[in-house]
Amino acid sequence: MVWYVILKALAELALMALVGRFVVGLLAGANHERNVFWQILDVIARPPLKLARWISPKVVLDRHIPLAAILLTVLVWLIALQAKISFCVQAGMAQCR
């Protein structure tokens, strides 16, 4: 398997977890941290959140880190998508599947 397929799948999983965490947080309200589904999604979304916190300057507020993590994950997904498209163009569609 090629690296960009794995990277693209991991980015998609992280994006779904980040968006799901946001939606569950909206629906659960102030006690969202006690929600089991939010906790599961938080475990999945933790690596991109920590990476975004590490990359971001300390001036960035903690409440803006999830948005930075989403943008960072979208960037990684776009890079992996571009690599996959380049491979498919060079190798042909038969090998791309």
Foldseek 3Di string as FASTA:
>chain_A
DDPLVVQLVLLVLLLVLLVVLVVCCVVVDPVSVPDPSNVVSCVSNVVLLVVQVVPDDPVDDSVCSSVSSNVVSVVSNVVSVVVLVVVCVVPDVVVSD
